[in-house]
Amino acid sequence: MSNLKEETEKYKEQLNQWCRSLGLSQYQPPNHEIELILSFTRETLREQSSVDLSESAILLTQYALFLQQKDNECKTFIKWSDQVANRLLGDDRSKLTQWVRRAELRKERIAYLARRIELIGQSIANLVRARYNEGVNR
């Protein structure tokens, strides 16, 4: 029987292989751009064109999807670790418990951030639609 570190590396490699087999690239928009968009004030939103706002909404959506992927990775790790925990004895079990706690906290934070960013992106997209309907397309 292999130790916990080997099991974890094997799990991560299998997960990475599976993700690669999907053929979808992982894209994480630059954090500084996301932070800038999230800090838009009402005045900033008024000053921007509909095209700029649409691009911002797309970036936020891409980032929300990236966070959703990370949330899914945490869920998968937690499920995997539950299965492995039953086979482990000694010190490795306490290490795994610590990792699972950290993963659960990270998962909750990522899920919150993904939902927050998704809602802001939807709000910006709604603003673009409202401007379009009003005929204000700067």
Protein backbone atom coordinates (compact mmCIF):
# COMPACT_ATOMS: atom_id res chain seq x y z
CA MET A 1 0.00 0.00 0.00
CA SER A 2 1.38 3.41 -0.96
CA ASN A 3 1.57 6.35 1.39
CA LEU A 4 -0.75 9.34 1.37
CA LYS A 5 1.56 11.59 -0.63
CA GLU A 6 1.82 9.03 -3.44
CA GLU A 7 -1.96 8.52 -3.43
CA THR A 8 -2.50 12.27 -3.64
CA GLU A 9 -0.06 12.70 -6.53
CA LYS A 10 -1.71 9.80 -8.38
CA TYR A 11 -5.15 11.37 -7.82
CA LYS A 12 -3.99 14.79 -9.07
CA GLU A 13 -2.38 13.29 -12.18
CA GLN A 14 -5.53 11.31 -13.01
CA LEU A 15 -7.65 14.44 -12.58
CA ASN A 16 -5.29 16.46 -14.81
CA GLN A 17 -5.33 13.75 -17.48
CA TRP A 18 -9.11 13.69 -17.44
CA CYS A 19 -9.29 17.49 -17.74
CA ARG A 20 -6.85 17.43 -20.67
CA SER A 21 -8.90 14.71 -22.38
CA LEU A 22 -11.87 17.07 -22.49
CA GLY A 23 -9.89 19.31 -24.83
CA LEU A 24 -10.93 22.49 -23.11
CA SER A 25 -8.26 24.93 -22.09
CA GLN A 26 -8.22 26.46 -18.66
CA TYR A 27 -8.46 30.21 -18.92
CA GLN A 28 -8.06 32.49 -15.98
CA PRO A 29 -8.46 36.17 -16.82
CA PRO A 30 -5.81 38.35 -15.16
CA ASN A 31 -6.72 39.06 -11.55
CA HIS A 32 -5.91 42.77 -11.85
CA GLU A 33 -8.51 43.12 -14.62
CA ILE A 34 -11.15 41.31 -12.57
CA GLU A 35 -10.38 43.44 -9.51
CA LEU A 36 -10.65 46.58 -11.63
CA ILE A 37 -14.06 45.54 -13.01
CA LEU A 38 -15.32 44.60 -9.55
CA SER A 39 -14.33 48.04 -8.28
CA PHE A 40 -16.36 49.93 -10.90
CA THR A 41 -18.36 52.75 -9.38
CA ARG A 42 -21.67 54.02 -10.69
CA GLU A 43 -19.84 56.85 -12.43
CA THR A 44 -17.36 54.45 -14.01
CA LEU A 45 -20.22 52.37 -15.40
CA ARG A 46 -21.89 55.49 -16.85
CA GLU A 47 -18.67 56.60 -18.56
CA GLN A 48 -17.98 53.28 -20.29
CA SER A 49 -19.33 52.36 -23.69
CA SER A 50 -21.66 49.43 -24.18
CA VAL A 51 -18.84 47.55 -25.93
CA ASP A 52 -16.48 48.06 -22.98
CA LEU A 53 -19.18 46.96 -20.56
CA SER A 54 -19.91 43.88 -22.65
CA GLU A 55 -16.22 42.96 -22.64
CA SER A 56 -16.14 43.40 -18.86
CA ALA A 57 -19.17 41.15 -18.49
CA ILE A 58 -17.46 38.48 -20.61
CA LEU A 59 -14.28 38.66 -18.50
CA LEU A 60 -16.33 38.28 -15.31
CA THR A 61 -18.17 35.31 -16.78
CA GLN A 62 -14.87 33.68 -17.76
CA TYR A 63 -13.52 34.23 -14.26
CA ALA A 64 -16.71 32.87 -12.68
CA LEU A 65 -16.35 29.74 -14.83
CA PHE A 66 -12.71 29.42 -13.77
CA LEU A 67 -13.77 29.64 -10.12
CA GLN A 68 -16.53 27.09 -10.75
CA GLN A 69 -13.89 24.73 -12.10
CA LYS A 70 -11.80 25.21 -8.96
CA ASP A 71 -14.91 24.62 -6.84
CA ASN A 72 -15.51 21.37 -8.72
CA GLU A 73 -11.90 20.32 -8.16
CA CYS A 74 -12.35 20.87 -4.42
CA LYS A 75 -15.56 18.82 -4.41
CA THR A 76 -13.81 16.01 -6.24
CA PHE A 77 -10.87 16.08 -3.83
CA ILE A 78 -13.20 15.96 -0.82
CA LYS A 79 -15.05 12.95 -2.23
CA TRP A 80 -11.78 11.22 -3.09
CA SER A 81 -10.32 11.91 0.34
CA ASP A 82 -13.38 10.40 2.03
CA GLN A 83 -12.71 7.18 0.16
CA VAL A 84 -9.00 7.21 0.95
CA ALA A 85 -9.55 8.10 4.62
CA ASN A 86 -11.05 4.69 5.29
CA ARG A 87 -7.84 3.00 4.10
CA LEU A 88 -5.43 5.16 6.05
CA LEU A 89 -3.99 4.63 9.49
CA GLY A 90 -1.76 6.64 11.82
CA ASP A 91 -0.44 10.13 11.15
CA ASP A 92 -1.56 10.24 7.55
CA ARG A 93 -5.21 10.26 8.62
CA SER A 94 -4.77 13.48 10.63
CA LYS A 95 -2.92 15.09 7.69
CA LEU A 96 -5.74 14.16 5.36
CA THR A 97 -8.30 15.57 7.79
CA GLN A 98 -6.43 18.89 7.82
CA TRP A 99 -6.25 18.96 4.02
CA VAL A 100 -9.96 18.21 3.76
CA ARG A 101 -10.81 21.04 6.17
CA ARG A 102 -8.71 23.45 4.11
CA ALA A 103 -10.28 22.21 0.87
CA GLU A 104 -13.80 22.62 2.29
CA LEU A 105 -13.04 26.19 3.39
CA ARG A 106 -11.47 26.96 0.03
CA LYS A 107 -14.44 25.43 -1.78
CA GLU A 108 -16.91 27.57 0.15
CA ARG A 109 -14.91 30.73 -0.56
CA ILE A 110 -14.53 29.90 -4.25
CA ALA A 111 -18.26 29.16 -4.59
CA TYR A 112 -19.08 32.51 -2.96
CA LEU A 113 -16.66 34.41 -5.21
CA ALA A 114 -17.92 32.65 -8.33
CA ARG A 115 -21.53 33.52 -7.53
CA ARG A 116 -20.63 37.12 -6.67
CA ILE A 117 -18.69 37.61 -9.89
CA GLU A 118 -21.40 35.92 -11.92
CA LEU A 119 -24.03 38.27 -10.51
CA ILE A 120 -21.92 41.36 -11.19
CA GLY A 121 -21.33 40.16 -14.76
CA GLN A 122 -25.05 39.61 -15.25
CA SER A 123 -25.75 43.07 -13.85
CA ILE A 124 -23.31 44.65 -16.30
CA ALA A 125 -24.87 42.70 -19.18
CA ASN A 126 -28.32 43.89 -18.06
CA LEU A 127 -27.04 47.47 -18.03
CA VAL A 128 -25.83 47.03 -21.62
CA ARG A 129 -29.26 45.72 -22.65
CA ALA A 130 -30.99 48.62 -20.91
CA ARG A 131 -28.74 51.11 -22.68
CA TYR A 132 -29.44 49.42 -25.98
CA ASN A 133 -33.18 49.56 -25.39
CA GLU A 134 -32.91 53.24 -24.50
CA GLY A 135 -30.83 53.92 -27.60
CA VAL A 136 -27.77 55.00 -25.57
CA ASN A 137 -24.99 53.01 -27.21
CA ARG A 138 -22.05 55.39 -26.97
